C-alpha atoms as a PDB file:
ATOM      1  CA  MET A   1      -1.619  18.019 -20.747  1.00  0.00           C
ATOM      2  CA  ARG A   2      -3.878  15.745 -21.286  1.00  0.00           C
ATOM      3  CA  ARG A   3      -4.675  12.675 -19.445  1.00  0.00           C
ATOM      4  CA  GLY A   4      -5.472   8.959 -20.712  1.00  0.00           C
ATOM      5  CA  ARG A   5      -9.085   7.287 -19.542  1.00  0.00           C
ATOM      6  CA  ALA A   6      -7.234   5.797 -16.915  1.00  0.00           C
ATOM      7  CA  SER A   7      -5.917   8.510 -14.678  1.00  0.00           C
ATOM      8  CA  ALA A   8      -9.388  10.572 -15.674  1.00  0.00           C
ATOM      9  CA  VAL A   9     -11.433   7.881 -14.280  1.00  0.00           C
ATOM     10  CA  ALA A  10      -8.480   8.082 -10.989  1.00  0.00           C
ATOM     11  CA  HIS A  11      -8.629  11.555 -11.134  1.00  0.00           C
ATOM     12  CA  SER A  12     -12.525  11.105 -10.756  1.00  0.00           C
ATOM     13  CA  MET A  13     -11.946   9.317  -7.620  1.00  0.00           C
ATOM     14  CA  ILE A  14      -9.578  10.394  -6.161  1.00  0.00           C
ATOM     15  CA  TRP A  15     -12.513  13.805  -5.612  1.00  0.00           C
ATOM     16  CA  VAL A  16     -15.153  11.779  -4.672  1.00  0.00           C
ATOM     17  CA  ALA A  17     -13.485  10.344  -1.730  1.00  0.00           C
ATOM     18  CA  TRP A  18     -11.966  13.639  -0.722  1.00  0.00           C
ATOM     19  CA  GLY A  19     -15.140  14.723  -0.050  1.00  0.00           C
ATOM     20  CA  VAL A  20     -16.890  11.863   1.292  1.00  0.00           C
ATOM     21  CA  LEU A  21     -13.804  11.882   3.197  1.00  0.00           C
ATOM     22  CA  VAL A  22     -13.640  15.264   4.366  1.00  0.00           C
ATOM     23  CA  ALA A  23     -17.313  15.134   5.015  1.00  0.00           C
ATOM     24  CA  GLN A  24     -16.863  11.078   6.602  1.00  0.00           C
ATOM     25  CA  GLN A  25     -14.607  13.508   9.235  1.00  0.00           C
ATOM     26  CA  LEU A  26     -17.319  16.355  10.037  1.00  0.00           C
ATOM     27  CA  ALA A  27     -20.029  14.043  10.256  1.00  0.00           C
ATOM     28  CA  ASP A  28     -17.679  12.251  13.679  1.00  0.00           C
ATOM     29  CA  ALA A  29     -16.753  15.722  14.464  1.00  0.00           C
ATOM     30  CA  TRP A  30     -20.581  16.488  14.861  1.00  0.00           C
ATOM     31  CA  VAL A  31     -21.943  13.574  16.299  1.00  0.00           C
ATOM     32  CA  GLN A  32     -19.006  13.402  19.703  1.00  0.00           C
ATOM     33  CA  GLN A  33     -19.585  17.047  20.337  1.00  0.00           C
ATOM     34  CA  ALA A  34     -16.003  17.611  19.443  1.00  0.00           C
ATOM     35  CA  PRO A  35     -14.941  21.233  20.262  1.00  0.00           C
ATOM     36  CA  TRP A  36     -13.675  23.242  17.224  1.00  0.00           C
ATOM     37  CA  ILE A  37      -9.656  22.336  17.592  1.00  0.00           C
ATOM     38  CA  VAL A  38     -10.679  18.968  16.880  1.00  0.00           C
ATOM     39  CA  TRP A  39     -12.145  19.702  14.105  1.00  0.00           C
ATOM     40  CA  LEU A  40      -9.487  21.610  12.841  1.00  0.00           C
ATOM     41  CA  ALA A  41      -7.004  18.498  14.027  1.00  0.00           C
ATOM     42  CA  TRP A  42      -9.538  16.313  12.009  1.00  0.00           C
ATOM     43  CA  CYS A  43     -10.181  18.285   8.314  1.00  0.00           C
ATOM     44  CA  LEU A  44      -6.459  20.785   8.227  1.00  0.00           C
ATOM     45  CA  PRO A  45      -4.692  17.736   6.437  1.00  0.00           C
ATOM     46  CA  LEU A  46      -6.811  16.870   4.239  1.00  0.00           C
ATOM     47  CA  LEU A  47      -7.126  20.405   3.565  1.00  0.00           C
ATOM     48  CA  ILE A  48      -3.483  21.714   3.824  1.00  0.00           C
ATOM     49  CA  PHE A  49      -2.889  18.806  -0.043  1.00  0.00           C
ATOM     50  CA  LEU A  50      -6.158  21.197  -1.770  1.00  0.00           C
ATOM     51  CA  PRO A  51      -3.972  23.523  -2.745  1.00  0.00           C
ATOM     52  CA  GLY A  52      -1.859  20.605  -4.802  1.00  0.00           C
ATOM     53  CA  MET A  53      -4.153  18.829  -5.917  1.00  0.00           C
ATOM     54  CA  LEU A  54      -6.436  21.506  -7.994  1.00  0.00           C
ATOM     55  CA  GLN A  55      -2.813  22.452  -9.740  1.00  0.00           C
ATOM     56  CA  ASP A  56      -1.740  18.607 -10.418  1.00  0.00           C
ATOM     57  CA  ARG A  57       0.882  17.961  -8.853  1.00  0.00           C
ATOM     58  CA  LEU A  58       1.726  14.539  -8.204  1.00  0.00           C
ATOM     59  CA  ARG A  59       4.497  14.931  -4.649  1.00  0.00           C
ATOM     60  CA  SER A  60       0.978  16.388  -2.810  1.00  0.00           C
ATOM     61  CA  TYR A  61      -0.935  13.228  -3.910  1.00  0.00           C
ATOM     62  CA  ILE A  62       2.264  11.054  -2.889  1.00  0.00           C
ATOM     63  CA  TRP A  63       2.063  12.825   0.417  1.00  0.00           C
ATOM     64  CA  LEU A  64      -2.166  12.674  -0.047  1.00  0.00           C
ATOM     65  CA  CYS A  65      -0.867   9.155   0.419  1.00  0.00           C
ATOM     66  CA  PHE A  66       1.240   9.031   3.829  1.00  0.00           C
ATOM     67  CA  VAL A  67      -1.957  11.012   5.550  1.00  0.00           C
ATOM     68  CA  CYS A  68      -4.510   8.686   4.130  1.00  0.00           C
ATOM     69  CA  LEU A  69      -2.761   6.410   6.534  1.00  0.00           C
ATOM     70  CA  LEU A  70      -3.173   8.579   9.466  1.00  0.00           C
ATOM     71  CA  TYR A  71      -6.440   8.299   8.966  1.00  0.00           C
ATOM     72  CA  PHE A  72      -6.102   4.468   7.911  1.00  0.00           C
ATOM     73  CA  MET A  73      -5.493   3.317  11.723  1.00  0.00           C
ATOM     74  CA  ARG A  74      -7.710   6.156  14.256  1.00  0.00           C
ATOM     75  CA  LEU A  75     -10.592   4.561  12.012  1.00  0.00           C
ATOM     76  CA  VAL A  76      -9.354   1.644  12.203  1.00  0.00           C
ATOM     77  CA  VAL A  77      -9.473   1.951  16.011  1.00  0.00           C
ATOM     78  CA  SER A  78     -13.001   3.149  14.919  1.00  0.00           C
ATOM     79  CA  VAL A  79     -14.356  -0.049  13.033  1.00  0.00           C
ATOM     80  CA  PHE A  80     -13.583  -1.519  16.407  1.00  0.00           C
ATOM     81  CA  ALA A  81     -14.596  -0.018  18.764  1.00  0.00           C
ATOM     82  CA  GLU A  82     -18.003   0.501  17.504  1.00  0.00           C
ATOM     83  CA  PRO A  83     -18.849  -1.786  14.294  1.00  0.00           C
ATOM     84  CA  ASP A  84     -22.129  -0.994  13.519  1.00  0.00           C
ATOM     85  CA  SER A  85     -21.186   3.009  12.800  1.00  0.00           C
ATOM     86  CA  VAL A  86     -21.592   3.616   9.672  1.00  0.00           C
ATOM     87  CA  VAL A  87     -19.479   6.858  10.133  1.00  0.00           C
ATOM     88  CA  ALA A  88     -16.842   4.957  11.137  1.00  0.00           C
ATOM     89  CA  ILE A  89     -17.647   2.143   8.275  1.00  0.00           C
ATOM     90  CA  VAL A  90     -17.850   5.362   5.318  1.00  0.00           C
ATOM     91  CA  GLY A  91     -14.437   6.718   6.507  1.00  0.00           C
ATOM     92  CA  MET A  92     -13.315   3.136   5.337  1.00  0.00           C
ATOM     93  CA  VAL A  93     -13.886   2.601   2.453  1.00  0.00           C
ATOM     94  CA  ALA A  94     -13.488   6.681   2.486  1.00  0.00           C
ATOM     95  CA  VAL A  95      -9.927   6.447   2.931  1.00  0.00           C
ATOM     96  CA  VAL A  96      -9.446   3.351   1.144  1.00  0.00           C
ATOM     97  CA  THR A  97     -10.498   4.115  -2.474  1.00  0.00           C
ATOM     98  CA  LEU A  98      -8.977   7.687  -1.661  1.00  0.00           C
ATOM     99  CA  PHE A  99      -5.810   6.324  -0.904  1.00  0.00           C
ATOM    100  CA  ILE A 100      -5.783   3.155  -4.075  1.00  0.00           C
ATOM    101  CA  ALA A 101      -6.997   6.302  -6.766  1.00  0.00           C
ATOM    102  CA  ALA A 102      -4.423   7.585  -5.330  1.00  0.00           C
ATOM    103  CA  MET A 103      -1.657   5.820  -5.847  1.00  0.00           C
ATOM    104  CA  MET A 104      -3.070   4.969  -8.873  1.00  0.00           C
ATOM    105  CA  TYR A 105      -3.380   8.019 -10.130  1.00  0.00           C
ATOM    106  CA  VAL A 106       0.451   8.664  -9.731  1.00  0.00           C
ATOM    107  CA  ARG A 107       2.038   6.252 -11.374  1.00  0.00           C
ATOM    108  CA  TRP A 108      -0.277   6.664 -14.328  1.00  0.00           C
ATOM    109  CA  ARG A 109       0.084  10.165 -14.519  1.00  0.00           C
ATOM    110  CA  ALA A 110       4.027   9.463 -13.946  1.00  0.00           C
ATOM    111  CA  ARG A 111       4.473   7.538 -17.171  1.00  0.00           C
ATOM    112  CA  GLU A 112       1.605  10.122 -19.357  1.00  0.00           C
ATOM    113  CA  ILE A 113       3.681  12.912 -18.273  1.00  0.00           C
ATOM    114  CA  ARG A 114       7.460  10.729 -18.600  1.00  0.00           C
ATOM    115  CA  ALA A 115       6.261   9.527 -22.493  1.00  0.00           C
ATOM    116  CA  ASP A 116       4.571  13.315 -23.195  1.00  0.00           C
ATOM    117  CA  SER A 117       8.452  14.895 -21.893  1.00  0.00           C
ATOM    118  CA  VAL A 118       9.549  12.249 -24.566  1.00  0.00           C
ATOM    119  CA  ILE A 119       7.950  12.849 -27.788  1.00  0.00           C
ATOM    120  CA  THR A 120       8.678  16.635 -27.359  1.00  0.00           C
ATOM    121  CA  THR A 121      11.608  16.770 -27.200  1.00  0.00           C
ATOM    122  CA  VAL A 122      12.849  14.361 -29.699  1.00  0.00           C
ATOM    123  CA  PRO A 123      16.114  14.512 -30.271  1.00  0.00           C
ATOM    124  CA  GLY A 124      17.574  15.494 -34.210  1.00  0.00           C
ATOM    125  CA  GLU A 125      14.967  18.600 -34.365  1.00  0.00           C
END
């Protein structure tokens, strides 16, 4: 199925924001000299959705939005604790962008899929 322009742009924004958020989490763990288990705990929730995102499963994007809220809460605390932290600010921008792009992508892509299924199942043919 072909994507519309809006969903294609949202899909691109998802991948950029997802990559920035993963990099931000790794950078934050590096700056804090966290042990490997913390690195895993901070990045694994984002990496779990990678197979579903690669297969364009809308359910993966929906669950990614829920997980983004957890990262958002953590990053709000980090931004208030260290207002000058570039790492925390970059993470906040990335998580907000990821949430909005994923939410809009699911909405637009679901409409496209629904419209394609209506077109392909015309009654009487």
